[in-house]
């Protein structure tokens, strides 16, 4: 019973670190004048889409771990895209 909670805690902690990386990258790009209106719009629409998907997973009886995994997948994709 302890293992699933530890896995969720680990994945949630990793999500926090990965999200901070994306936030740092976006803020750094904006500070250097490299941000674009398209990236800003994408940033907002991604959040709305991710929330909607998480709500659907929860409504369908999904677990918190499944939601965190979905968010991590999206955050990692953002980090990869922003590093190009």
N, C-alpha and C. Protein backbone atom coordinates (compact mmCIF):
# COMPACT_ATOMS: atom_id res chain seq x y z
N UNK A 1 0.81 -1.20 0.00
CA UNK A 1 0.00 0.00 0.00
C UNK A 1 0.85 1.27 0.00
N UNK A 2 2.01 1.19 0.53
CA UNK A 2 2.89 2.36 0.60
C UNK A 2 3.51 2.68 -0.76
N UNK A 3 3.77 1.65 -1.56
CA UNK A 3 4.44 1.86 -2.85
C UNK A 3 3.68 2.78 -3.80
N UNK A 4 2.36 2.62 -3.98
CA UNK A 4 1.65 3.55 -4.87
C UNK A 4 1.73 5.00 -4.41
N UNK A 5 1.68 5.21 -3.12
CA UNK A 5 1.79 6.59 -2.60
C UNK A 5 3.18 7.15 -2.84
N UNK A 6 4.19 6.32 -2.68
CA UNK A 6 5.56 6.78 -2.93
C UNK A 6 5.75 7.11 -4.41
N UNK A 7 5.18 6.29 -5.29
CA UNK A 7 5.27 6.54 -6.73
C UNK A 7 4.57 7.85 -7.08
N UNK A 8 3.38 8.07 -6.51
CA UNK A 8 2.65 9.31 -6.75
C UNK A 8 3.45 10.51 -6.23
N UNK A 9 4.03 10.39 -5.05
CA UNK A 9 4.82 11.48 -4.48
C UNK A 9 6.04 11.78 -5.36
N UNK A 10 6.69 10.74 -5.84
CA UNK A 10 7.86 10.92 -6.71
C UNK A 10 7.46 11.59 -8.02
N UNK A 11 6.39 11.10 -8.64
CA UNK A 11 5.96 11.68 -9.90
C UNK A 11 5.48 13.13 -9.73
N UNK A 12 4.83 13.42 -8.63
CA UNK A 12 4.38 14.79 -8.37
C UNK A 12 5.57 15.72 -8.16
N UNK A 13 6.58 15.24 -7.45
CA UNK A 13 7.79 16.04 -7.25
C UNK A 13 8.50 16.28 -8.57
N UNK A 14 8.59 15.26 -9.40
CA UNK A 14 9.22 15.42 -10.72
C UNK A 14 8.43 16.38 -11.58
N UNK A 15 7.10 16.33 -11.50
CA UNK A 15 6.27 17.27 -12.24
C UNK A 15 6.59 18.70 -11.82
N UNK A 16 6.75 18.92 -10.54
CA UNK A 16 7.07 20.27 -10.04
C UNK A 16 8.41 20.75 -10.60
N UNK A 17 9.42 19.90 -10.58
CA UNK A 17 10.73 20.28 -11.11
C UNK A 17 10.67 20.54 -12.62
N UNK A 18 9.99 19.66 -13.35
CA UNK A 18 9.88 19.82 -14.80
C UNK A 18 9.11 21.08 -15.16
N UNK A 19 8.05 21.36 -14.41
CA UNK A 19 7.26 22.57 -14.67
C UNK A 19 8.09 23.82 -14.41
N UNK A 20 8.92 23.80 -13.36
CA UNK A 20 9.77 24.95 -13.08
C UNK A 20 10.77 25.17 -14.20
N UNK A 21 11.25 24.10 -14.81
CA UNK A 21 12.17 24.23 -15.95
C UNK A 21 11.48 24.93 -17.11
N UNK A 22 10.25 24.54 -17.39
CA UNK A 22 9.50 25.16 -18.49
C UNK A 22 9.22 26.63 -18.17
N UNK A 23 8.83 26.91 -16.94
CA UNK A 23 8.56 28.29 -16.54
C UNK A 23 9.83 29.13 -16.67
N UNK A 24 10.93 28.61 -16.20
CA UNK A 24 12.21 29.32 -16.28
C UNK A 24 12.58 29.60 -17.74
N UNK A 25 12.43 28.61 -18.58
CA UNK A 25 12.77 28.77 -20.00
C UNK A 25 11.90 29.84 -20.64
N UNK A 26 10.60 29.78 -20.40
CA UNK A 26 9.70 30.77 -21.00
C UNK A 26 9.98 32.17 -20.46
N UNK A 27 10.23 32.30 -19.19
CA UNK A 27 10.52 33.62 -18.61
C UNK A 27 11.84 34.17 -19.14
N UNK A 28 12.83 33.30 -19.27
CA UNK A 28 14.12 33.73 -19.80
C UNK A 28 13.98 34.20 -21.25
N UNK A 29 13.24 33.46 -22.04
CA UNK A 29 13.03 33.85 -23.43
C UNK A 29 12.28 35.17 -23.51
N UNK A 30 11.29 35.35 -22.67
CA UNK A 30 10.53 36.61 -22.68
C UNK A 30 11.42 37.77 -22.25
N UNK A 31 12.27 37.55 -21.26
CA UNK A 31 13.15 38.62 -20.77
C UNK A 31 14.17 39.02 -21.83
N UNK A 32 14.56 38.09 -22.68
CA UNK A 32 15.52 38.39 -23.73
C UNK A 32 14.85 38.82 -25.03
N UNK A 33 13.52 38.95 -24.99
CA UNK A 33 12.79 39.38 -26.18
C UNK A 33 12.63 38.30 -27.24
N UNK A 34 12.78 37.06 -26.85
CA UNK A 34 12.70 35.96 -27.81
C UNK A 34 11.33 35.29 -27.80
N UNK A 35 10.47 35.68 -26.90
CA UNK A 35 9.14 35.09 -26.85
C UNK A 35 8.31 35.57 -28.03
N UNK A 36 7.26 34.84 -28.33
CA UNK A 36 6.41 35.22 -29.44
C UNK A 36 4.95 35.21 -28.98
N UNK A 37 4.11 36.00 -29.64
CA UNK A 37 2.68 35.96 -29.30
C UNK A 37 2.09 34.56 -29.49
N UNK A 38 2.57 33.83 -30.47
CA UNK A 38 2.07 32.47 -30.70
C UNK A 38 2.40 31.56 -29.51
N UNK A 39 3.60 31.71 -28.96
CA UNK A 39 4.00 30.92 -27.80
C UNK A 39 3.16 31.30 -26.58
N UNK A 40 2.89 32.58 -26.43
CA UNK A 40 2.05 33.03 -25.31
C UNK A 40 0.64 32.46 -25.42
N UNK A 41 0.08 32.47 -26.61
CA UNK A 41 -1.25 31.92 -26.81
C UNK A 41 -1.25 30.41 -26.57
N UNK A 42 -0.22 29.73 -27.05
CA UNK A 42 -0.10 28.30 -26.84
C UNK A 42 -0.01 27.97 -25.36
N UNK A 43 0.73 28.78 -24.62
CA UNK A 43 0.89 28.56 -23.19
C UNK A 43 -0.47 28.58 -22.48
N UNK A 44 -1.32 29.50 -22.85
CA UNK A 44 -2.64 29.60 -22.21
C UNK A 44 -3.56 28.48 -22.66
N UNK A 45 -3.60 28.22 -23.95
CA UNK A 45 -4.51 27.19 -24.45
C UNK A 45 -4.10 25.80 -23.98
N UNK A 46 -2.80 25.56 -23.82
CA UNK A 46 -2.34 24.27 -23.30
C UNK A 46 -2.87 24.02 -21.90
N UNK A 47 -2.86 25.06 -21.09
CA UNK A 47 -3.33 24.92 -19.71
C UNK A 47 -4.81 24.58 -19.66
N UNK A 48 -5.59 25.22 -20.51
CA UNK A 48 -7.02 24.96 -20.55
C UNK A 48 -7.28 23.53 -21.03
N UNK A 49 -6.56 23.11 -22.06
CA UNK A 49 -6.71 21.76 -22.60
C UNK A 49 -6.30 20.71 -21.56
N UNK A 50 -5.17 20.95 -20.89
CA UNK A 50 -4.69 19.99 -19.89
C UNK A 50 -5.68 19.87 -18.73
N UNK A 51 -6.24 20.99 -18.30
CA UNK A 51 -7.23 20.96 -17.21
C UNK A 51 -8.47 20.19 -17.64
N UNK A 52 -8.92 20.43 -18.85
CA UNK A 52 -10.11 19.73 -19.35
C UNK A 52 -9.87 18.23 -19.42
N UNK A 53 -8.69 17.84 -19.90
CA UNK A 53 -8.37 16.41 -19.97
C UNK A 53 -8.29 15.80 -18.57
N UNK A 54 -7.68 16.51 -17.63
CA UNK A 54 -7.58 16.01 -16.26
C UNK A 54 -8.97 15.86 -15.64
N UNK A 55 -9.84 16.82 -15.88
CA UNK A 55 -11.21 16.74 -15.36
C UNK A 55 -11.95 15.55 -15.95
N UNK A 56 -11.72 15.28 -17.23
CA UNK A 56 -12.37 14.13 -17.88
C UNK A 56 -11.86 12.82 -17.29
N UNK A 57 -10.56 12.73 -17.05
CA UNK A 57 -9.99 11.53 -16.44
C UNK A 57 -10.59 11.31 -15.06
N UNK A 58 -10.66 12.38 -14.29
CA UNK A 58 -11.22 12.29 -12.94
C UNK A 58 -12.69 11.90 -12.98
N UNK A 59 -13.45 12.49 -13.89
CA UNK A 59 -14.88 12.18 -14.01
C UNK A 59 -15.10 10.73 -14.43
N UNK A 60 -14.16 10.18 -15.18
CA UNK A 60 -14.28 8.80 -15.64
C UNK A 60 -13.76 7.81 -14.60
N UNK A 61 -13.37 8.31 -13.44
CA UNK A 61 -12.90 7.43 -12.37
C UNK A 61 -11.41 7.19 -12.38
N UNK A 62 -10.67 8.00 -13.10
CA UNK A 62 -9.22 7.85 -13.17
C UNK A 62 -8.56 8.24 -11.86
N UNK A 63 -7.34 7.82 -11.71
CA UNK A 63 -6.61 8.08 -10.47
C UNK A 63 -5.80 9.37 -10.56
N UNK A 64 -5.38 9.83 -9.39
CA UNK A 64 -4.52 11.02 -9.34
C UNK A 64 -3.22 10.74 -10.07
N UNK A 65 -2.73 9.51 -9.95
CA UNK A 65 -1.48 9.17 -10.62
C UNK A 65 -1.61 9.27 -12.14
N UNK A 66 -2.74 8.89 -12.68
CA UNK A 66 -2.96 8.98 -14.12
C UNK A 66 -2.97 10.45 -14.56
N UNK A 67 -3.55 11.31 -13.75
CA UNK A 67 -3.58 12.73 -14.06
C UNK A 67 -2.18 13.32 -14.03
N UNK A 68 -1.41 12.98 -13.00
CA UNK A 68 -0.04 13.48 -12.89
C UNK A 68 0.80 13.01 -14.08
N UNK A 69 0.64 11.75 -14.46
CA UNK A 69 1.38 11.23 -15.61
C UNK A 69 1.04 12.00 -16.88
N UNK A 70 -0.25 12.34 -17.05
CA UNK A 70 -0.65 13.12 -18.22
C UNK A 70 -0.03 14.50 -18.23
N UNK A 71 -0.03 15.16 -17.08
CA UNK A 71 0.60 16.48 -16.98
C UNK A 71 2.09 16.40 -17.24
N UNK A 72 2.75 15.37 -16.69
CA UNK A 72 4.19 15.24 -16.90
C UNK A 72 4.52 15.06 -18.37
N UNK A 73 3.70 14.29 -19.08
CA UNK A 73 3.94 14.08 -20.52
C UNK A 73 3.87 15.41 -21.27
N UNK A 74 2.89 16.23 -20.92
CA UNK A 74 2.74 17.53 -21.58
C UNK A 74 3.87 18.48 -21.22
N UNK A 75 4.28 18.48 -19.97
CA UNK A 75 5.35 19.37 -19.53
C UNK A 75 6.67 18.98 -20.18
N UNK A 76 6.95 17.69 -20.26
CA UNK A 76 8.19 17.25 -20.93
C UNK A 76 8.19 17.63 -22.40
N UNK A 77 7.03 17.53 -23.05
CA UNK A 77 6.94 17.93 -24.46
C UNK A 77 7.21 19.42 -24.60
N UNK A 78 6.69 20.22 -23.67
CA UNK A 78 6.96 21.67 -23.69
C UNK A 78 8.44 21.95 -23.53
N UNK A 79 9.06 21.29 -22.57
CA UNK A 79 10.49 21.51 -22.32
C UNK A 79 11.30 21.16 -23.56
N UNK A 80 10.96 20.06 -24.19
CA UNK A 80 11.69 19.65 -25.40
C UNK A 80 11.50 20.67 -26.52
N UNK A 81 10.26 21.14 -26.70
CA UNK A 81 9.98 22.12 -27.76
C UNK A 81 10.70 23.44 -27.48
N UNK A 82 10.73 23.88 -26.26
CA UNK A 82 11.32 25.18 -25.93
C UNK A 82 12.85 25.14 -26.00
N UNK A 83 13.44 23.99 -25.90
CA UNK A 83 14.92 23.90 -25.94
C UNK A 83 15.45 23.95 -27.37
N UNK A 84 14.58 23.87 -28.36
CA UNK A 84 15.05 23.95 -29.74
C UNK A 84 15.41 25.34 -30.11
